[in-house]
PDB file of N, CA and C in Angstrom:
ATOM      1  N   MET A   1      62.713 109.236 171.156  1.00  0.00           N
ATOM      2  CA  MET A   1      62.288 107.668 170.912  1.00  0.00           C
ATOM      3  C   MET A   1      63.370 106.998 171.911  1.00  0.00           C
ATOM      4  N   ARG A   2      62.797 106.058 172.450  1.00  0.00           N
ATOM      5  CA  ARG A   2      63.688 105.296 173.445  1.00  0.00           C
ATOM      6  C   ARG A   2      63.376 103.691 173.037  1.00  0.00           C
ATOM      7  N   THR A   3      64.530 103.161 172.808  1.00  0.00           N
ATOM      8  CA  THR A   3      64.596 101.677 172.256  1.00  0.00           C
ATOM      9  C   THR A   3      65.916 101.272 172.427  1.00  0.00           C
ATOM     10  N   THR A   4      65.947  99.815 172.401  1.00  0.00           N
ATOM     11  CA  THR A   4      67.253  99.322 172.568  1.00  0.00           C
ATOM     12  C   THR A   4      68.009  99.031 171.360  1.00  0.00           C
ATOM     13  N   LEU A   5      69.214  98.907 171.337  1.00  0.00           N
ATOM     14  CA  LEU A   5      69.948  98.776 170.146  1.00  0.00           C
ATOM     15  C   LEU A   5      69.691  97.359 169.597  1.00  0.00           C
ATOM     16  N   GLN A   6      69.130  96.536 170.373  1.00  0.00           N
ATOM     17  CA  GLN A   6      68.724  95.199 169.921  1.00  0.00           C
ATOM     18  C   GLN A   6      67.473  95.189 169.221  1.00  0.00           C
ATOM     19  N   GLN A   7      66.660  95.993 169.609  1.00  0.00           N
ATOM     20  CA  GLN A   7      65.267  96.286 168.877  1.00  0.00           C
ATOM     21  C   GLN A   7      65.702  97.147 167.534  1.00  0.00           C
ATOM     22  N   CYS A   8      66.456  97.986 167.498  1.00  0.00           N
ATOM     23  CA  CYS A   8      66.891  98.688 166.208  1.00  0.00           C
ATOM     24  C   CYS A   8      67.354  97.782 165.177  1.00  0.00           C
ATOM     25  N   GLU A   9      68.352  96.839 165.818  1.00  0.00           N
ATOM     26  CA  GLU A   9      68.940  95.869 164.821  1.00  0.00           C
ATOM     27  C   GLU A   9      67.778  94.981 164.342  1.00  0.00           C
ATOM     28  N   ALA A  10      66.884  94.640 165.063  1.00  0.00           N
ATOM     29  CA  ALA A  10      65.856  93.622 164.507  1.00  0.00           C
ATOM     30  C   ALA A  10      64.955  94.479 163.430  1.00  0.00           C
ATOM     31  N   ASP A  11      64.727  95.893 163.554  1.00  0.00           N
ATOM     32  CA  ASP A  11      63.881  96.607 162.878  1.00  0.00           C
ATOM     33  C   ASP A  11      64.552  96.955 161.355  1.00  0.00           C
ATOM     34  N   LEU A  12      66.057  97.074 161.447  1.00  0.00           N
ATOM     35  CA  LEU A  12      66.773  97.323 160.357  1.00  0.00           C
ATOM     36  C   LEU A  12      66.820  96.127 159.249  1.00  0.00           C
ATOM     37  N   ASP A  13      66.886  96.624 157.921  1.00  0.00           N
ATOM     38  CA  ASP A  13      67.099  95.695 156.893  1.00  0.00           C
ATOM     39  C   ASP A  13      68.422  95.027 156.956  1.00  0.00           C
ATOM     40  N   ARG A  14      68.582  93.724 157.222  1.00  0.00           N
ATOM     41  CA  ARG A  14      69.755  93.209 157.432  1.00  0.00           C
ATOM     42  C   ARG A  14      70.714  93.273 156.250  1.00  0.00           C
ATOM     43  N   ALA A  15      70.399  93.550 155.190  1.00  0.00           N
ATOM     44  CA  ALA A  15      71.348  93.528 153.973  1.00  0.00           C
ATOM     45  C   ALA A  15      72.624  94.663 154.243  1.00  0.00           C
ATOM     46  N   PRO A  16      72.180  95.766 154.499  1.00  0.00           N
ATOM     47  CA  PRO A  16      73.548  96.689 154.610  1.00  0.00           C
ATOM     48  C   PRO A  16      73.872  96.960 156.158  1.00  0.00           C
ATOM     49  N   PHE A  17      73.215  96.505 156.898  1.00  0.00           N
ATOM     50  CA  PHE A  17      73.404  96.896 158.385  1.00  0.00           C
ATOM     51  C   PHE A  17      73.930  95.521 159.256  1.00  0.00           C
ATOM     52  N   VAL A  18      74.951  95.623 160.012  1.00  0.00           N
ATOM     53  CA  VAL A  18      75.510  94.737 160.851  1.00  0.00           C
ATOM     54  C   VAL A  18      76.047  95.302 162.149  1.00  0.00           C
ATOM     55  N   ARG A  19      75.588  94.573 163.228  1.00  0.00           N
ATOM     56  CA  ARG A  19      76.077  95.031 164.491  1.00  0.00           C
ATOM     57  C   ARG A  19      77.578  94.545 164.623  1.00  0.00           C
ATOM     58  N   VAL A  20      78.440  95.708 165.030  1.00  0.00           N
ATOM     59  CA  VAL A  20      79.746  95.470 165.087  1.00  0.00           C
ATOM     60  C   VAL A  20      80.394  95.460 166.610  1.00  0.00           C
ATOM     61  N   HIS A  21      79.448  95.915 167.373  1.00  0.00           N
ATOM     62  CA  HIS A  21      79.943  96.137 168.964  1.00  0.00           C
ATOM     63  C   HIS A  21      78.502  96.253 169.706  1.00  0.00           C
ATOM     64  N   ARG A  22      78.625  96.094 171.087  1.00  0.00           N
ATOM     65  CA  ARG A  22      77.474  96.057 171.768  1.00  0.00           C
ATOM     66  C   ARG A  22      76.838  97.361 171.864  1.00  0.00           C
ATOM     67  N   SER A  23      77.585  98.427 171.342  1.00  0.00           N
ATOM     68  CA  SER A  23      77.117  99.701 171.300  1.00  0.00           C
ATOM     69  C   SER A  23      76.867 100.428 169.931  1.00  0.00           C
ATOM     70  N   ALA A  24      77.091  99.496 168.788  1.00  0.00           N
ATOM     71  CA  ALA A  24      77.150 100.274 167.417  1.00  0.00           C
ATOM     72  C   ALA A  24      76.692  99.259 166.477  1.00  0.00           C
ATOM     73  N   ILE A  25      75.884  99.631 165.500  1.00  0.00           N
ATOM     74  CA  ILE A  25      75.443  99.016 164.361  1.00  0.00           C
ATOM     75  C   ILE A  25      76.046  99.892 162.919  1.00  0.00           C
ATOM     76  N   VAL A  26      76.583  99.260 162.023  1.00  0.00           N
ATOM     77  CA  VAL A  26      77.204  99.977 161.011  1.00  0.00           C
ATOM     78  C   VAL A  26      76.533  99.571 159.604  1.00  0.00           C
ATOM     79  N   ASN A  27      76.319 100.575 158.809  1.00  0.00           N
ATOM     80  CA  ASN A  27      76.065 100.366 157.552  1.00  0.00           C
ATOM     81  C   ASN A  27      77.289  99.850 156.631  1.00  0.00           C
ATOM     82  N   LEU A  28      77.297  98.704 156.036  1.00  0.00           N
ATOM     83  CA  LEU A  28      78.498  98.184 155.383  1.00  0.00           C
ATOM     84  C   LEU A  28      78.796  98.954 154.239  1.00  0.00           C
ATOM     85  N   ASP A  29      78.078  99.625 153.673  1.00  0.00           N
ATOM     86  CA  ASP A  29      78.318 100.487 152.334  1.00  0.00           C
ATOM     87  C   ASP A  29      79.318 101.646 152.952  1.00  0.00           C
ATOM     88  N   ALA A  30      79.247 102.110 154.124  1.00  0.00           N
ATOM     89  CA  ALA A  30      79.924 103.304 154.557  1.00  0.00           C
ATOM     90  C   ALA A  30      81.327 102.895 155.251  1.00  0.00           C
ATOM     91  N   VAL A  31      81.610 101.493 155.237  1.00  0.00           N
ATOM     92  CA  VAL A  31      82.916 101.033 155.918  1.00  0.00           C
ATOM     93  C   VAL A  31      84.020 101.384 154.720  1.00  0.00           C
ATOM     94  N   VAL A  32      85.135 102.067 155.172  1.00  0.00           N
ATOM     95  CA  VAL A  32      86.209 102.335 154.256  1.00  0.00           C
ATOM     96  C   VAL A  32      87.219 101.400 154.365  1.00  0.00           C
ATOM     97  N   ASP A  33      87.658 101.237 155.665  1.00  0.00           N
ATOM     98  CA  ASP A  33      88.488 100.150 155.862  1.00  0.00           C
ATOM     99  C   ASP A  33      88.602  99.685 157.311  1.00  0.00           C
ATOM    100  N   ARG A  34      89.678  98.933 157.550  1.00  0.00           N
ATOM    101  CA  ARG A  34      89.601  98.199 159.069  1.00  0.00           C
ATOM    102  C   ARG A  34      91.081  98.117 159.471  1.00  0.00           C
ATOM    103  N   ARG A  35      91.407  98.331 160.693  1.00  0.00           N
ATOM    104  CA  ARG A  35      92.818  98.081 161.141  1.00  0.00           C
ATOM    105  C   ARG A  35      92.800  97.215 162.277  1.00  0.00           C
ATOM    106  N   ARG A  36      93.681  96.187 162.279  1.00  0.00           N
ATOM    107  CA  ARG A  36      93.683  95.314 163.473  1.00  0.00           C
ATOM    108  C   ARG A  36      94.420  95.999 164.585  1.00  0.00           C
ATOM    109  N   LEU A  37      93.795  95.735 165.902  1.00  0.00           N
ATOM    110  CA  LEU A  37      94.170  96.347 166.927  1.00  0.00           C
ATOM    111  C   LEU A  37      94.801  95.170 167.875  1.00  0.00           C
ATOM    112  N   PRO A  38      95.831  95.517 168.964  1.00  0.00           N
ATOM    113  CA  PRO A  38      96.446  94.581 169.873  1.00  0.00           C
ATOM    114  C   PRO A  38      94.949  93.968 170.538  1.00  0.00           C
ATOM    115  N   GLY A  39      95.116  92.531 170.689  1.00  0.00           N
ATOM    116  CA  GLY A  39      94.018  91.793 171.461  1.00  0.00           C
ATOM    117  C   GLY A  39      93.017  91.447 170.537  1.00  0.00           C
ATOM    118  N   GLY A  40      93.136  91.487 169.416  1.00  0.00           N
ATOM    119  CA  GLY A  40      91.977  90.930 168.393  1.00  0.00           C
ATOM    120  C   GLY A  40      90.908  91.779 167.999  1.00  0.00           C
ATOM    121  N   ASP A  41      90.643  92.755 168.502  1.00  0.00           N
ATOM    122  CA  ASP A  41      89.805  93.835 167.990  1.00  0.00           C
ATOM    123  C   ASP A  41      90.102  94.497 166.671  1.00  0.00           C
ATOM    124  N   PHE A  42      89.299  95.108 165.860  1.00  0.00           N
ATOM    125  CA  PHE A  42      89.435  95.912 164.792  1.00  0.00           C
ATOM    126  C   PHE A  42      88.922  97.318 165.089  1.00  0.00           C
ATOM    127  N   ARG A  43      89.553  98.322 164.395  1.00  0.00           N
ATOM    128  CA  ARG A  43      88.944  99.612 164.239  1.00  0.00           C
ATOM    129  C   ARG A  43      88.488  99.824 162.785  1.00  0.00           C
ATOM    130  N   LEU A  44      87.151 100.129 162.697  1.00  0.00           N
ATOM    131  CA  LEU A  44      86.509 100.488 161.443  1.00  0.00           C
ATOM    132  C   LEU A  44      86.640 101.888 160.993  1.00  0.00           C
ATOM    133  N   ARG A  45      86.920 102.068 159.891  1.00  0.00           N
ATOM    134  CA  ARG A  45      86.848 103.727 159.587  1.00  0.00           C
ATOM    135  C   ARG A  45      85.616 103.746 158.519  1.00  0.00           C
ATOM    136  N   THR A  46      84.741 104.678 158.801  1.00  0.00           N
ATOM    137  CA  THR A  46      83.560 104.709 157.994  1.00  0.00           C
ATOM    138  C   THR A  46      83.495 106.208 157.357  1.00  0.00           C
ATOM    139  N   ARG A  47      82.872 106.455 156.187  1.00  0.00           N
ATOM    140  CA  ARG A  47      82.726 107.607 155.822  1.00  0.00           C
ATOM    141  C   ARG A  47      82.134 108.743 156.590  1.00  0.00           C
ATOM    142  N   HIS A  48      81.051 108.304 157.499  1.00  0.00           N
ATOM    143  CA  HIS A  48      80.222 109.132 158.106  1.00  0.00           C
ATOM    144  C   HIS A  48      80.425 109.315 159.563  1.00  0.00           C
ATOM    145  N   CYS A  49      80.775 108.187 160.255  1.00  0.00           N
ATOM    146  CA  CYS A  49      80.997 108.206 161.600  1.00  0.00           C
ATOM    147  C   CYS A  49      82.299 108.247 162.213  1.00  0.00           C
ATOM    148  N   GLY A  50      83.331 108.443 161.233  1.00  0.00           N
ATOM    149  CA  GLY A  50      84.637 108.280 161.826  1.00  0.00           C
ATOM    150  C   GLY A  50      85.063 106.947 161.997  1.00  0.00           C
ATOM    151  N   GLU A  51      85.457 106.555 163.224  1.00  0.00           N
ATOM    152  CA  GLU A  51      85.835 105.344 163.645  1.00  0.00           C
ATOM    153  C   GLU A  51      84.892 104.532 164.516  1.00  0.00           C
ATOM    154  N   LEU A  52      84.947 103.236 164.411  1.00  0.00           N
ATOM    155  CA  LEU A  52      84.101 102.483 165.186  1.00  0.00           C
ATOM    156  C   LEU A  52      84.860 101.218 165.718  1.00  0.00           C
ATOM    157  N   LEU A  53      84.599 100.769 166.836  1.00  0.00           N
ATOM    158  CA  LEU A  53      85.273  99.380 167.258  1.00  0.00           C
ATOM    159  C   LEU A  53      84.612  98.236 166.781  1.00  0.00           C
ATOM    160  N   LEU A  54      85.305  97.320 166.125  1.00  0.00           N
ATOM    161  CA  LEU A  54      84.693  96.026 165.807  1.00  0.00           C
ATOM    162  C   LEU A  54      85.142  94.923 166.774  1.00  0.00           C
ATOM    163  N   SER A  55      84.336  94.439 167.601  1.00  0.00           N
ATOM    164  CA  SER A  55      84.651  93.640 168.704  1.00  0.00           C
ATOM    165  C   SER A  55      84.954  92.139 168.191  1.00  0.00           C
ATOM    166  N   ARG A  56      85.721  91.527 168.859  1.00  0.00           N
ATOM    167  CA  ARG A  56      86.161  89.918 168.412  1.00  0.00           C
ATOM    168  C   ARG A  56      84.800  89.107 168.314  1.00  0.00           C
ATOM    169  N   THR A  57      83.921  89.394 169.299  1.00  0.00           N
ATOM    170  CA  THR A  57      82.872  88.417 169.383  1.00  0.00           C
ATOM    171  C   THR A  57      81.945  88.920 168.121  1.00  0.00           C
ATOM    172  N   ARG A  58      81.808  89.916 167.498  1.00  0.00           N
ATOM    173  CA  ARG A  58      80.940  90.329 166.373  1.00  0.00           C
ATOM    174  C   ARG A  58      81.986  90.236 164.906  1.00  0.00           C
ATOM    175  N   ARG A  59      83.070  89.913 165.099  1.00  0.00           N
ATOM    176  CA  ARG A  59      83.928  89.913 163.797  1.00  0.00           C
ATOM    177  C   ARG A  59      83.449  88.838 162.712  1.00  0.00           C
ATOM    178  N   ARG A  60      83.070  87.706 163.339  1.00  0.00           N
ATOM    179  CA  ARG A  60      82.562  86.720 162.329  1.00  0.00           C
ATOM    180  C   ARG A  60      81.434  86.959 161.657  1.00  0.00           C
ATOM    181  N   ALA A  61      80.516  87.551 162.251  1.00  0.00           N
ATOM    182  CA  ALA A  61      79.270  87.956 161.773  1.00  0.00           C
ATOM    183  C   ALA A  61      79.517  89.186 160.754  1.00  0.00           C
ATOM    184  N   PHE A  62      80.412  90.098 161.114  1.00  0.00           N
ATOM    185  CA  PHE A  62      80.688  91.150 160.236  1.00  0.00           C
ATOM    186  C   PHE A  62      81.529  90.761 158.741  1.00  0.00           C
ATOM    187  N   ASP A  63      82.291  89.602 158.993  1.00  0.00           N
ATOM    188  CA  ASP A  63      82.936  89.128 157.874  1.00  0.00           C
ATOM    189  C   ASP A  63      82.042  88.369 156.801  1.00  0.00           C
ATOM    190  N   ALA A  64      80.967  87.592 157.505  1.00  0.00           N
ATOM    191  CA  ALA A  64      79.918  86.707 156.823  1.00  0.00           C
ATOM    192  C   ALA A  64      79.113  87.970 156.023  1.00  0.00           C
ATOM    193  N   ALA A  65      78.718  89.044 156.647  1.00  0.00           N
ATOM    194  CA  ALA A  65      77.947  90.020 155.886  1.00  0.00           C
ATOM    195  C   ALA A  65      78.744  90.673 155.021  1.00  0.00           C
ATOM    196  N   LEU A  66      79.881  91.089 155.150  1.00  0.00           N
ATOM    197  CA  LEU A  66      80.636  91.585 154.237  1.00  0.00           C
ATOM    198  C   LEU A  66      80.951  90.774 153.046  1.00  0.00           C
ATOM    199  N   ALA A  67      81.082  89.395 153.261  1.00  0.00           N
ATOM    200  CA  ALA A  67      81.122  88.602 151.935  1.00  0.00           C
ATOM    201  C   ALA A  67      79.831  88.403 151.342  1.00  0.00           C
ATOM    202  N   ARG A  68      78.915  88.478 151.955  1.00  0.00           N
ATOM    203  CA  ARG A  68      77.537  88.537 151.133  1.00  0.00           C
ATOM    204  C   ARG A  68      77.252  89.584 150.375  1.00  0.00           C
ATOM    205  N   ARG A  69      77.912  90.848 150.681  1.00  0.00           N
ATOM    206  CA  ARG A  69      77.716  91.933 149.923  1.00  0.00           C
ATOM    207  C   ARG A  69      78.394  92.057 148.635  1.00  0.00           C
ATOM    208  N   ARG A  70      79.601  91.271 148.713  1.00  0.00           N
ATOM    209  CA  ARG A  70      80.456  91.394 147.505  1.00  0.00           C
ATOM    210  C   ARG A  70      80.141  90.404 146.409  1.00  0.00           C
TER     211      ARG A  70
END
């Protein structure tokens, strides 16, 4: 299957999934914690994928999606 991440993002149910980087989409239910990195980025630790980068440009959308889940 060949598709763009943008197309995958559009096809996914928005409730548990959010794009956190230009190369990653994460299930919010799998996020265990996050650590701030120098420069404003964050490192997300997940149950299944290890660690992922949360970019500065995607942080606001991530925080909003996380707040809606609580």
